[in-house]
């Protein structure tokens, strides 16, 4: 998918300031208490998502997250299909005080590719 230059610039800036988790680290982080957050739209989530993940769409993240995850010290791993929305969401959560917000490098697609390879 082609993105606008401004959107891609914003995404790149978010990726530069937020930790990217390699897909092979996700299961261990979740086992230690991290929360998986699928920030795609509900229709996308319903088609396929990483087991155990919560779903809050990117468009409603900032207005709903405090009611869903009130603890600012929570480790939150955001993901979308690839990188952009996950990174933007993690950056936004960091701006809100969630200092352990990160995103899956390569998103759901990279996580699925890893699990299919094993």
PDB file of N, CA and C in Angstrom:
ATOM      1  N   UNK A   1       0.840  -1.175   0.000  1.00  0.00           N
ATOM      2  CA  UNK A   1       0.000   0.000   0.000  1.00  0.00           C
ATOM      3  C   UNK A   1       0.887   1.241   0.000  1.00  0.00           C
ATOM      4  N   UNK A   2       0.527   2.199  -0.809  1.00  0.00           N
ATOM      5  CA  UNK A   2       1.285   3.452  -0.875  1.00  0.00           C
ATOM      6  C   UNK A   2       0.753   4.418   0.183  1.00  0.00           C
ATOM      7  N   UNK A   3       1.655   4.990   0.935  1.00  0.00           N
ATOM      8  CA  UNK A   3       1.285   5.945   1.972  1.00  0.00           C
ATOM      9  C   UNK A   3       1.690   7.343   1.544  1.00  0.00           C
ATOM     10  N   UNK A   4       1.030   8.346   2.119  1.00  0.00           N
ATOM     11  CA  UNK A   4       1.437   9.715   1.835  1.00  0.00           C
ATOM     12  C   UNK A   4       2.797   9.963   2.478  1.00  0.00           C
ATOM     13  N   UNK A   5       3.495  10.927   1.953  1.00  0.00           N
ATOM     14  CA  UNK A   5       4.827  11.242   2.476  1.00  0.00           C
ATOM     15  C   UNK A   5       4.761  11.664   3.941  1.00  0.00           C
ATOM     16  N   UNK A   6       3.766  12.474   4.301  1.00  0.00           N
ATOM     17  CA  UNK A   6       3.646  12.940   5.683  1.00  0.00           C
ATOM     18  C   UNK A   6       3.359  11.781   6.635  1.00  0.00           C
ATOM     19  N   UNK A   7       2.463  10.887   6.218  1.00  0.00           N
ATOM     20  CA  UNK A   7       2.158   9.728   7.062  1.00  0.00           C
ATOM     21  C   UNK A   7       3.401   8.876   7.262  1.00  0.00           C
ATOM     22  N   UNK A   8       4.130   8.621   6.189  1.00  0.00           N
ATOM     23  CA  UNK A   8       5.323   7.784   6.300  1.00  0.00           C
ATOM     24  C   UNK A   8       6.392   8.454   7.158  1.00  0.00           C
ATOM     25  N   UNK A   9       6.512   9.781   7.047  1.00  0.00           N
ATOM     26  CA  UNK A   9       7.464  10.520   7.882  1.00  0.00           C
ATOM     27  C   UNK A   9       7.089  10.391   9.359  1.00  0.00           C
ATOM     28  N   UNK A  10       5.797  10.550   9.654  1.00  0.00           N
ATOM     29  CA  UNK A  10       5.340  10.400  11.041  1.00  0.00           C
ATOM     30  C   UNK A  10       5.614   8.987  11.550  1.00  0.00           C
ATOM     31  N   UNK A  11       5.350   8.003  10.717  1.00  0.00           N
ATOM     32  CA  UNK A  11       5.590   6.611  11.104  1.00  0.00           C
ATOM     33  C   UNK A  11       7.067   6.357  11.353  1.00  0.00           C
ATOM     34  N   UNK A  12       7.905   6.863  10.464  1.00  0.00           N
ATOM     35  CA  UNK A  12       9.352   6.691  10.619  1.00  0.00           C
ATOM     36  C   UNK A  12       9.849   7.335  11.909  1.00  0.00           C
ATOM     37  N   UNK A  13       9.324   8.518  12.230  1.00  0.00           N
ATOM     38  CA  UNK A  13       9.715   9.195  13.465  1.00  0.00           C
ATOM     39  C   UNK A  13       9.275   8.391  14.687  1.00  0.00           C
ATOM     40  N   UNK A  14       8.077   7.823  14.627  1.00  0.00           N
ATOM     41  CA  UNK A  14       7.591   6.996  15.736  1.00  0.00           C
ATOM     42  C   UNK A  14       8.472   5.765  15.901  1.00  0.00           C
ATOM     43  N   UNK A  15       8.825   5.120  14.787  1.00  0.00           N
ATOM     44  CA  UNK A  15       9.674   3.925  14.852  1.00  0.00           C
ATOM     45  C   UNK A  15      11.048   4.240  15.426  1.00  0.00           C
ATOM     46  N   UNK A  16      11.528   5.457  15.203  1.00  0.00           N
ATOM     47  CA  UNK A  16      12.850   5.845  15.695  1.00  0.00           C
ATOM     48  C   UNK A  16      12.861   6.076  17.206  1.00  0.00           C
ATOM     49  N   UNK A  17      11.704   6.368  17.791  1.00  0.00           N
ATOM     50  CA  UNK A  17      11.690   6.700  19.217  1.00  0.00           C
ATOM     51  C   UNK A  17      11.032   5.661  20.112  1.00  0.00           C
ATOM     52  N   UNK A  18      10.509   4.601  19.513  1.00  0.00           N
ATOM     53  CA  UNK A  18       9.830   3.568  20.294  1.00  0.00           C
ATOM     54  C   UNK A  18      10.509   2.225  20.043  1.00  0.00           C
ATOM     55  N   UNK A  19      10.605   1.420  21.078  1.00  0.00           N
ATOM     56  CA  UNK A  19      11.253   0.110  20.945  1.00  0.00           C
ATOM     57  C   UNK A  19      10.450  -0.814  20.039  1.00  0.00           C
ATOM     58  N   UNK A  20      11.153  -1.460  19.123  1.00  0.00           N
ATOM     59  CA  UNK A  20      10.559  -2.478  18.259  1.00  0.00           C
ATOM     60  C   UNK A  20      10.919  -3.848  18.816  1.00  0.00           C
ATOM     61  N   UNK A  21       9.920  -4.674  19.037  1.00  0.00           N
ATOM     62  CA  UNK A  21      10.118  -6.022  19.557  1.00  0.00           C
ATOM     63  C   UNK A  21      10.190  -6.981  18.375  1.00  0.00           C
ATOM     64  N   UNK A  22      11.197  -7.821  18.357  1.00  0.00           N
ATOM     65  CA  UNK A  22      11.275  -8.837  17.313  1.00  0.00           C
ATOM     66  C   UNK A  22      10.158  -9.853  17.528  1.00  0.00           C
ATOM     67  N   UNK A  23       9.563 -10.352  16.447  1.00  0.00           N
ATOM     68  CA  UNK A  23       8.463 -11.307  16.588  1.00  0.00           C
ATOM     69  C   UNK A  23       8.805 -12.518  17.455  1.00  0.00           C
ATOM     70  N   UNK A  24      10.060 -12.945  17.430  1.00  0.00           N
ATOM     71  CA  UNK A  24      10.435 -14.119  18.229  1.00  0.00           C
ATOM     72  C   UNK A  24      10.514 -13.822  19.728  1.00  0.00           C
ATOM     73  N   UNK A  25      10.358 -12.566  20.136  1.00  0.00           N
ATOM     74  CA  UNK A  25      10.367 -12.193  21.551  1.00  0.00           C
ATOM     75  C   UNK A  25       8.963 -12.059  22.133  1.00  0.00           C
ATOM     76  N   UNK A  26       7.965 -12.001  21.269  1.00  0.00           N
ATOM     77  CA  UNK A  26       6.605 -11.674  21.695  1.00  0.00           C
ATOM     78  C   UNK A  26       6.056 -12.670  22.710  1.00  0.00           C
ATOM     79  N   UNK A  27       6.125 -13.955  22.423  1.00  0.00           N
ATOM     80  CA  UNK A  27       5.531 -14.952  23.317  1.00  0.00           C
ATOM     81  C   UNK A  27       6.143 -14.908  24.714  1.00  0.00           C
ATOM     82  N   UNK A  28       7.446 -14.735  24.801  1.00  0.00           N
ATOM     83  CA  UNK A  28       8.106 -14.665  26.111  1.00  0.00           C
ATOM     84  C   UNK A  28       7.675 -13.413  26.873  1.00  0.00           C
ATOM     85  N   UNK A  29       7.550 -12.296  26.179  1.00  0.00           N
ATOM     86  CA  UNK A  29       7.102 -11.067  26.837  1.00  0.00           C
ATOM     87  C   UNK A  29       5.672 -11.207  27.345  1.00  0.00           C
ATOM     88  N   UNK A  30       4.809 -11.813  26.545  1.00  0.00           N
ATOM     89  CA  UNK A  30       3.424 -12.026  26.969  1.00  0.00           C
ATOM     90  C   UNK A  30       3.386 -12.976  28.167  1.00  0.00           C
ATOM     91  N   UNK A  31       4.202 -14.018  28.137  1.00  0.00           N
ATOM     92  CA  UNK A  31       4.263 -14.960  29.263  1.00  0.00           C
ATOM     93  C   UNK A  31       4.711 -14.273  30.550  1.00  0.00           C
ATOM     94  N   UNK A  32       5.494 -13.201  30.409  1.00  0.00           N
ATOM     95  CA  UNK A  32       5.953 -12.470  31.596  1.00  0.00           C
ATOM     96  C   UNK A  32       5.025 -11.307  31.955  1.00  0.00           C
ATOM     97  N   UNK A  33       3.871 -11.220  31.295  1.00  0.00           N
ATOM     98  CA  UNK A  33       2.874 -10.230  31.697  1.00  0.00           C
ATOM     99  C   UNK A  33       2.596  -9.102  30.729  1.00  0.00           C
ATOM    100  N   UNK A  34       3.286  -9.045  29.609  1.00  0.00           N
ATOM    101  CA  UNK A  34       3.026  -7.982  28.631  1.00  0.00           C
ATOM    102  C   UNK A  34       1.630  -8.142  28.039  1.00  0.00           C
ATOM    103  N   UNK A  35       1.048  -7.025  27.660  1.00  0.00           N
ATOM    104  CA  UNK A  35      -0.281  -6.999  27.055  1.00  0.00           C
ATOM    105  C   UNK A  35      -0.126  -6.773  25.559  1.00  0.00           C
ATOM    106  N   UNK A  36      -0.721  -7.664  24.763  1.00  0.00           N
ATOM    107  CA  UNK A  36      -0.729  -7.496  23.310  1.00  0.00           C
ATOM    108  C   UNK A  36      -1.915  -6.633  22.933  1.00  0.00           C
ATOM    109  N   UNK A  37      -1.673  -5.604  22.140  1.00  0.00           N
ATOM    110  CA  UNK A  37      -2.733  -4.681  21.758  1.00  0.00           C
ATOM    111  C   UNK A  37      -2.804  -4.570  20.242  1.00  0.00           C
ATOM    112  N   UNK A  38      -3.850  -5.149  19.666  1.00  0.00           N
ATOM    113  CA  UNK A  38      -4.113  -5.078  18.232  1.00  0.00           C
ATOM    114  C   UNK A  38      -4.811  -3.755  17.970  1.00  0.00           C
ATOM    115  N   UNK A  39      -4.147  -2.859  17.274  1.00  0.00           N
ATOM    116  CA  UNK A  39      -4.710  -1.530  17.068  1.00  0.00           C
ATOM    117  C   UNK A  39      -5.388  -1.391  15.703  1.00  0.00           C
ATOM    118  N   UNK A  40      -5.575  -2.514  15.024  1.00  0.00           N
ATOM    119  CA  UNK A  40      -6.287  -2.492  13.747  1.00  0.00           C
ATOM    120  C   UNK A  40      -7.789  -2.353  14.002  1.00  0.00           C
ATOM    121  N   UNK A  41      -8.538  -2.054  12.957  1.00  0.00           N
ATOM    122  CA  UNK A  41      -9.987  -1.956  13.081  1.00  0.00           C
ATOM    123  C   UNK A  41     -10.565  -3.311  13.476  1.00  0.00           C
ATOM    124  N   UNK A  42     -11.744  -3.293  14.086  1.00  0.00           N
ATOM    125  CA  UNK A  42     -12.341  -4.526  14.588  1.00  0.00           C
ATOM    126  C   UNK A  42     -12.545  -5.558  13.482  1.00  0.00           C
ATOM    127  N   UNK A  43     -12.895  -5.114  12.278  1.00  0.00           N
ATOM    128  CA  UNK A  43     -13.090  -6.058  11.173  1.00  0.00           C
ATOM    129  C   UNK A  43     -11.793  -6.808  10.870  1.00  0.00           C
ATOM    130  N   UNK A  44     -10.670  -6.090  10.887  1.00  0.00           N
ATOM    131  CA  UNK A  44      -9.370  -6.724  10.663  1.00  0.00           C
ATOM    132  C   UNK A  44      -9.059  -7.712  11.790  1.00  0.00           C
ATOM    133  N   UNK A  45      -9.319  -7.284  13.005  1.00  0.00           N
ATOM    134  CA  UNK A  45      -9.074  -8.125  14.178  1.00  0.00           C
ATOM    135  C   UNK A  45      -9.900  -9.412  14.103  1.00  0.00           C
ATOM    136  N   UNK A  46     -11.166  -9.275  13.716  1.00  0.00           N
ATOM    137  CA  UNK A  46     -12.046 -10.441  13.655  1.00  0.00           C
ATOM    138  C   UNK A  46     -11.585 -11.459  12.616  1.00  0.00           C
ATOM    139  N   UNK A  47     -10.956 -11.004  11.547  1.00  0.00           N
ATOM    140  CA  UNK A  47     -10.466 -11.916  10.502  1.00  0.00           C
ATOM    141  C   UNK A  47      -9.274 -12.729  10.986  1.00  0.00           C
ATOM    142  N   UNK A  48      -8.366 -12.096  11.700  1.00  0.00           N
ATOM    143  CA  UNK A  48      -7.184 -12.781  12.220  1.00  0.00           C
ATOM    144  C   UNK A  48      -6.474 -11.866  13.208  1.00  0.00           C
ATOM    145  N   UNK A  49      -6.046 -12.433  14.310  1.00  0.00           N
ATOM    146  CA  UNK A  49      -5.289 -11.681  15.312  1.00  0.00           C
ATOM    147  C   UNK A  49      -4.412 -12.651  16.089  1.00  0.00           C
ATOM    148  N   UNK A  50      -3.463 -12.095  16.794  1.00  0.00           N
ATOM    149  CA  UNK A  50      -2.602 -12.911  17.647  1.00  0.00           C
ATOM    150  C   UNK A  50      -3.405 -13.283  18.890  1.00  0.00           C
ATOM    151  N   UNK A  51      -3.423 -14.557  19.189  1.00  0.00           N
ATOM    152  CA  UNK A  51      -4.216 -15.070  20.303  1.00  0.00           C
ATOM    153  C   UNK A  51      -3.914 -14.317  21.601  1.00  0.00           C
ATOM    154  N   UNK A  52      -4.983 -13.957  22.299  1.00  0.00           N
ATOM    155  CA  UNK A  52      -4.847 -13.282  23.581  1.00  0.00           C
ATOM    156  C   UNK A  52      -4.753 -11.771  23.504  1.00  0.00           C
ATOM    157  N   UNK A  53      -4.752 -11.224  22.302  1.00  0.00           N
ATOM    158  CA  UNK A  53      -4.596  -9.772  22.187  1.00  0.00           C
ATOM    159  C   UNK A  53      -5.913  -9.045  22.426  1.00  0.00           C
ATOM    160  N   UNK A  54      -5.794  -7.854  22.992  1.00  0.00           N
ATOM    161  CA  UNK A  54      -6.921  -6.939  23.116  1.00  0.00           C
ATOM    162  C   UNK A  54      -7.021  -6.164  21.813  1.00  0.00           C
ATOM    163  N   UNK A  55      -8.195  -5.619  21.525  1.00  0.00           N
ATOM    164  CA  UNK A  55      -8.371  -4.838  20.302  1.00  0.00           C
ATOM    165  C   UNK A  55      -8.922  -3.462  20.632  1.00  0.00           C
ATOM    166  N   UNK A  56      -8.140  -2.441  20.306  1.00  0.00           N
ATOM    167  CA  UNK A  56      -8.581  -1.052  20.370  1.00  0.00           C
ATOM    168  C   UNK A  56      -8.100  -0.421  19.080  1.00  0.00           C
ATOM    169  N   UNK A  57      -9.026   0.007  18.240  1.00  0.00           N
ATOM    170  CA  UNK A  57      -8.610   0.547  16.944  1.00  0.00           C
ATOM    171  C   UNK A  57      -7.801   1.826  17.115  1.00  0.00           C
ATOM    172  N   UNK A  58      -6.912   2.051  16.179  1.00  0.00           N
ATOM    173  CA  UNK A  58      -6.034   3.228  16.205  1.00  0.00           C
ATOM    174  C   UNK A  58      -6.833   4.509  16.386  1.00  0.00           C
ATOM    175  N   UNK A  59      -7.975   4.604  15.748  1.00  0.00           N
ATOM    176  CA  UNK A  59      -8.790   5.816  15.814  1.00  0.00           C
ATOM    177  C   UNK A  59      -9.411   6.088  17.170  1.00  0.00           C
ATOM    178  N   UNK A  60      -9.477   5.077  18.036  1.00  0.00           N
ATOM    179  CA  UNK A  60     -10.095   5.251  19.352  1.00  0.00           C
ATOM    180  C   UNK A  60      -9.127   5.008  20.499  1.00  0.00           C
ATOM    181  N   UNK A  61      -7.873   4.802  20.158  1.00  0.00           N
ATOM    182  CA  UNK A  61      -6.878   4.428  21.162  1.00  0.00           C
ATOM    183  C   UNK A  61      -6.776   5.432  22.299  1.00  0.00           C
ATOM    184  N   UNK A  62      -6.489   6.676  21.979  1.00  0.00           N
ATOM    185  CA  UNK A  62      -6.222   7.676  23.017  1.00  0.00           C
ATOM    186  C   UNK A  62      -7.431   7.926  23.913  1.00  0.00           C
ATOM    187  N   UNK A  63      -8.639   7.842  23.366  1.00  0.00           N
ATOM    188  CA  UNK A  63      -9.803   8.135  24.203  1.00  0.00           C
ATOM    189  C   UNK A  63     -10.273   6.937  25.027  1.00  0.00           C
ATOM    190  N   UNK A  64      -9.823   5.726  24.686  1.00  0.00           N
ATOM    191  CA  UNK A  64     -10.303   4.537  25.397  1.00  0.00           C
ATOM    192  C   UNK A  64      -9.259   3.792  26.221  1.00  0.00           C
ATOM    193  N   UNK A  65      -7.996   4.006  25.968  1.00  0.00           N
ATOM    194  CA  UNK A  65      -6.964   3.149  26.558  1.00  0.00           C
ATOM    195  C   UNK A  65      -6.914   3.206  28.084  1.00  0.00           C
ATOM    196  N   UNK A  66      -7.131   4.374  28.666  1.00  0.00           N
ATOM    197  CA  UNK A  66      -7.030   4.481  30.128  1.00  0.00           C
ATOM    198  C   UNK A  66      -8.082   3.649  30.851  1.00  0.00           C
ATOM    199  N   UNK A  67      -9.238   3.468  30.226  1.00  0.00           N
ATOM    200  CA  UNK A  67     -10.273   2.627  30.818  1.00  0.00           C
ATOM    201  C   UNK A  67      -9.987   1.145  30.652  1.00  0.00           C
ATOM    202  N   UNK A  68      -9.184   0.801  29.662  1.00  0.00           N
ATOM    203  CA  UNK A  68      -8.872  -0.601  29.371  1.00  0.00           C
ATOM    204  C   UNK A  68      -7.589  -1.040  30.076  1.00  0.00           C
ATOM    205  N   UNK A  69      -6.580  -0.178  30.029  1.00  0.00           N
ATOM    206  CA  UNK A  69      -5.292  -0.463  30.685  1.00  0.00           C
ATOM    207  C   UNK A  69      -4.939   0.758  31.542  1.00  0.00           C
ATOM    208  N   UNK A  70      -5.433   0.798  32.783  1.00  0.00           N
ATOM    209  CA  UNK A  70      -5.196   1.981  33.617  1.00  0.00           C
ATOM    210  C   UNK A  70      -3.774   2.107  34.163  1.00  0.00           C
ATOM    211  N   UNK A  71      -3.040   1.010  34.228  1.00  0.00           N
ATOM    212  CA  UNK A  71      -1.699   1.013  34.823  1.00  0.00           C
ATOM    213  C   UNK A  71      -0.663   1.518  33.818  1.00  0.00           C
ATOM    214  N   UNK A  72      -0.123   2.697  34.071  1.00  0.00           N
ATOM    215  CA  UNK A  72       0.875   3.292  33.175  1.00  0.00           C
ATOM    216  C   UNK A  72       2.175   2.497  33.133  1.00  0.00           C
ATOM    217  N   UNK A  73       2.382   1.613  34.092  1.00  0.00           N
ATOM    218  CA  UNK A  73       3.596   0.794  34.119  1.00  0.00           C
ATOM    219  C   UNK A  73       3.453  -0.519  33.351  1.00  0.00           C
ATOM    220  N   UNK A  74       2.300  -0.739  32.746  1.00  0.00           N
ATOM    221  CA  UNK A  74       2.077  -1.967  31.976  1.00  0.00           C
ATOM    222  C   UNK A  74       2.997  -2.011  30.765  1.00  0.00           C
ATOM    223  N   UNK A  75       3.475  -3.205  30.455  1.00  0.00           N
ATOM    224  CA  UNK A  75       4.207  -3.415  29.208  1.00  0.00           C
ATOM    225  C   UNK A  75       3.165  -3.701  28.140  1.00  0.00           C
ATOM    226  N   UNK A  76       3.111  -2.839  27.136  1.00  0.00           N
ATOM    227  CA  UNK A  76       2.111  -2.945  26.075  1.00  0.00           C
ATOM    228  C   UNK A  76       2.834  -3.121  24.747  1.00  0.00           C
ATOM    229  N   UNK A  77       2.463  -4.178  24.032  1.00  0.00           N
ATOM    230  CA  UNK A  77       3.045  -4.441  22.715  1.00  0.00           C
ATOM    231  C   UNK A  77       1.965  -4.197  21.673  1.00  0.00           C
ATOM    232  N   UNK A  78       2.078  -3.097  20.958  1.00  0.00           N
ATOM    233  CA  UNK A  78       1.117  -2.744  19.916  1.00  0.00           C
ATOM    234  C   UNK A  78       1.469  -3.451  18.616  1.00  0.00           C
ATOM    235  N   UNK A  79       0.445  -3.783  17.856  1.00  0.00           N
ATOM    236  CA  UNK A  79       0.718  -4.322  16.529  1.00  0.00           C
ATOM    237  C   UNK A  79      -0.402  -3.992  15.558  1.00  0.00           C
ATOM    238  N   UNK A  80      -0.015  -3.940  14.293  1.00  0.00           N
ATOM    239  CA  UNK A  80      -0.933  -3.811  13.173  1.00  0.00           C
ATOM    240  C   UNK A  80      -0.535  -4.909  12.199  1.00  0.00           C
ATOM    241  N   UNK A  81      -0.790  -4.728  10.921  1.00  0.00           N
ATOM    242  CA  UNK A  81      -0.353  -5.746   9.959  1.00  0.00           C
ATOM    243  C   UNK A  81       1.148  -5.707   9.733  1.00  0.00           C
ATOM    244  N   UNK A  82       1.731  -4.506   9.726  1.00  0.00           N
ATOM    245  CA  UNK A  82       3.162  -4.375   9.425  1.00  0.00           C
ATOM    246  C   UNK A  82       3.856  -3.579  10.530  1.00  0.00           C
ATOM    247  N   UNK A  83       4.079  -2.292  10.327  1.00  0.00           N
ATOM    248  CA  UNK A  83       4.801  -1.472  11.305  1.00  0.00           C
ATOM    249  C   UNK A  83       4.115  -0.165  11.666  1.00  0.00           C
ATOM    250  N   UNK A  84       3.590   0.533  10.688  1.00  0.00           N
ATOM    251  CA  UNK A  84       3.236   1.938  10.847  1.00  0.00           C
ATOM    252  C   UNK A  84       2.238   2.229  11.957  1.00  0.00           C
ATOM    253  N   UNK A  85       1.068   1.642  11.908  1.00  0.00           N
ATOM    254  CA  UNK A  85       0.060   1.930  12.931  1.00  0.00           C
ATOM    255  C   UNK A  85       0.504   1.439  14.307  1.00  0.00           C
ATOM    256  N   UNK A  86       1.226   0.329  14.344  1.00  0.00           N
ATOM    257  CA  UNK A  86       1.740  -0.163  15.621  1.00  0.00           C
ATOM    258  C   UNK A  86       2.724   0.811  16.245  1.00  0.00           C
ATOM    259  N   UNK A  87       3.638   1.318  15.431  1.00  0.00           N
ATOM    260  CA  UNK A  87       4.631   2.278  15.926  1.00  0.00           C
ATOM    261  C   UNK A  87       3.972   3.590  16.333  1.00  0.00           C
ATOM    262  N   UNK A  88       3.049   4.088  15.515  1.00  0.00           N
ATOM    263  CA  UNK A  88       2.349   5.329  15.851  1.00  0.00           C
ATOM    264  C   UNK A  88       1.573   5.176  17.158  1.00  0.00           C
ATOM    265  N   UNK A  89       0.948   4.034  17.343  1.00  0.00           N
ATOM    266  CA  UNK A  89       0.182   3.791  18.569  1.00  0.00           C
ATOM    267  C   UNK A  89       1.092   3.714  19.786  1.00  0.00           C
ATOM    268  N   UNK A  90       2.199   3.006  19.661  1.00  0.00           N
ATOM    269  CA  UNK A  90       3.143   2.911  20.778  1.00  0.00           C
ATOM    270  C   UNK A  90       3.701   4.286  21.135  1.00  0.00           C
ATOM    271  N   UNK A  91       4.003   5.098  20.133  1.00  0.00           N
ATOM    272  CA  UNK A  91       4.504   6.455  20.388  1.00  0.00           C
ATOM    273  C   UNK A  91       3.444   7.297  21.091  1.00  0.00           C
ATOM    274  N   UNK A  92       2.208   7.170  20.665  1.00  0.00           N
ATOM    275  CA  UNK A  92       1.125   7.913  21.297  1.00  0.00           C
ATOM    276  C   UNK A  92       0.938   7.474  22.749  1.00  0.00           C
ATOM    277  N   UNK A  93       1.009   6.175  22.985  1.00  0.00           N
ATOM    278  CA  UNK A  93       0.901   5.678  24.361  1.00  0.00           C
ATOM    279  C   UNK A  93       2.046   6.196  25.222  1.00  0.00           C
ATOM    280  N   UNK A  94       3.222   6.248  24.670  1.00  0.00           N
ATOM    281  CA  UNK A  94       4.362   6.808  25.424  1.00  0.00           C
ATOM    282  C   UNK A  94       4.093   8.269  25.771  1.00  0.00           C
ATOM    283  N   UNK A  95       3.538   9.013  24.817  1.00  0.00           N
ATOM    284  CA  UNK A  95       3.199  10.417  25.075  1.00  0.00           C
ATOM    285  C   UNK A  95       2.175  10.546  26.201  1.00  0.00           C
ATOM    286  N   UNK A  96       1.347   9.520  26.370  1.00  0.00           N
ATOM    287  CA  UNK A  96       0.326   9.521  27.420  1.00  0.00           C
ATOM    288  C   UNK A  96       0.871   9.016  28.757  1.00  0.00           C
ATOM    289  N   UNK A  97       2.134   8.592  28.782  1.00  0.00           N
ATOM    290  CA  UNK A  97       2.737   8.142  30.033  1.00  0.00           C
ATOM    291  C   UNK A  97       2.955   6.650  30.152  1.00  0.00           C
ATOM    292  N   UNK A  98       2.570   5.881  29.147  1.00  0.00           N
ATOM    293  CA  UNK A  98       2.814   4.431  29.139  1.00  0.00           C
ATOM    294  C   UNK A  98       4.243   4.204  28.649  1.00  0.00           C
ATOM    295  N   UNK A  99       5.182   4.221  29.574  1.00  0.00           N
ATOM    296  CA  UNK A  99       6.601   4.205  29.205  1.00  0.00           C
ATOM    297  C   UNK A  99       7.114   2.851  28.732  1.00  0.00           C
ATOM    298  N   UNK A 100       6.306   1.814  28.873  1.00  0.00           N
ATOM    299  CA  UNK A 100       6.698   0.483  28.405  1.00  0.00           C
ATOM    300  C   UNK A 100       5.904   0.080  27.160  1.00  0.00           C
ATOM    301  N   UNK A 101       5.474   1.055  26.370  1.00  0.00           N
ATOM    302  CA  UNK A 101       4.759   0.766  25.119  1.00  0.00           C
ATOM    303  C   UNK A 101       5.780   0.536  24.014  1.00  0.00           C
ATOM    304  N   UNK A 102       5.555  -0.492  23.224  1.00  0.00           N
ATOM    305  CA  UNK A 102       6.445  -0.856  22.119  1.00  0.00           C
ATOM    306  C   UNK A 102       5.593  -1.426  20.995  1.00  0.00           C
ATOM    307  N   UNK A 103       6.228  -1.837  19.907  1.00  0.00           N
ATOM    308  CA  UNK A 103       5.467  -2.422  18.804  1.00  0.00           C
ATOM    309  C   UNK A 103       6.214  -3.619  18.239  1.00  0.00           C
ATOM    310  N   UNK A 104       5.471  -4.518  17.583  1.00  0.00           N
ATOM    311  CA  UNK A 104       6.083  -5.692  16.967  1.00  0.00           C
ATOM    312  C   UNK A 104       6.691  -5.282  15.634  1.00  0.00           C
ATOM    313  N   UNK A 105       7.981  -5.492  15.496  1.00  0.00           N
ATOM    314  CA  UNK A 105       8.672  -5.195  14.240  1.00  0.00           C
ATOM    315  C   UNK A 105       8.118  -6.126  13.154  1.00  0.00           C
ATOM    316  N   UNK A 106       7.511  -5.534  12.146  1.00  0.00           N
ATOM    317  CA  UNK A 106       6.902  -6.323  11.079  1.00  0.00           C
ATOM    318  C   UNK A 106       5.459  -6.699  11.349  1.00  0.00           C
ATOM    319  N   UNK A 107       4.964  -6.394  12.541  1.00  0.00           N
ATOM    320  CA  UNK A 107       3.563  -6.584  12.876  1.00  0.00           C
ATOM    321  C   UNK A 107       3.065  -8.016  12.860  1.00  0.00           C
ATOM    322  N   UNK A 108       1.753  -8.134  12.685  1.00  0.00           N
ATOM    323  CA  UNK A 108       1.098  -9.439  12.679  1.00  0.00           C
ATOM    324  C   UNK A 108       1.647 -10.332  11.581  1.00  0.00           C
ATOM    325  N   UNK A 109       1.951  -9.746  10.435  1.00  0.00           N
ATOM    326  CA  UNK A 109       2.454 -10.550   9.314  1.00  0.00           C
ATOM    327  C   UNK A 109       3.789 -11.210   9.653  1.00  0.00           C
ATOM    328  N   UNK A 110       4.677 -10.473  10.296  1.00  0.00           N
ATOM    329  CA  UNK A 110       5.976 -11.042  10.685  1.00  0.00           C
ATOM    330  C   UNK A 110       5.801 -12.096  11.774  1.00  0.00           C
ATOM    331  N   UNK A 111       4.899 -11.846  12.713  1.00  0.00           N
ATOM    332  CA  UNK A 111       4.637 -12.823  13.774  1.00  0.00           C
ATOM    333  C   UNK A 111       4.073 -14.108  13.180  1.00  0.00           C
ATOM    334  N   UNK A 112       3.126 -13.989  12.265  1.00  0.00           N
ATOM    335  CA  UNK A 112       2.532 -15.170  11.622  1.00  0.00           C
ATOM    336  C   UNK A 112       3.576 -15.932  10.805  1.00  0.00           C
ATOM    337  N   UNK A 113       4.424 -15.208  10.086  1.00  0.00           N
ATOM    338  CA  UNK A 113       5.465 -15.861   9.277  1.00  0.00           C
ATOM    339  C   UNK A 113       6.401 -16.668  10.168  1.00  0.00           C
ATOM    340  N   UNK A 114       6.726 -16.123  11.331  1.00  0.00           N
ATOM    341  CA  UNK A 114       7.594 -16.821  12.278  1.00  0.00           C
ATOM    342  C   UNK A 114       6.924 -18.091  12.794  1.00  0.00           C
ATOM    343  N   UNK A 115       5.652 -17.982  13.165  1.00  0.00           N
ATOM    344  CA  UNK A 115       4.959 -19.149  13.715  1.00  0.00           C
ATOM    345  C   UNK A 115       4.698 -20.209  12.647  1.00  0.00           C
ATOM    346  N   UNK A 116       4.558 -19.811  11.394  1.00  0.00           N
ATOM    347  CA  UNK A 116       4.368 -20.784  10.311  1.00  0.00           C
ATOM    348  C   UNK A 116       5.678 -21.475   9.956  1.00  0.00           C
ATOM    349  N   UNK A 117       6.794 -20.798  10.198  1.00  0.00           N
ATOM    350  CA  UNK A 117       8.107 -21.370   9.877  1.00  0.00           C
ATOM    351  C   UNK A 117       8.523 -22.431  10.893  1.00  0.00           C
ATOM    352  N   UNK A 118       7.935 -22.356  12.107  1.00  0.00           N
ATOM    353  CA  UNK A 118       8.349 -23.325  13.127  1.00  0.00           C
ATOM    354  C   UNK A 118       7.463 -24.537  13.176  1.00  0.00           C
TER     355      UNK A 118
END
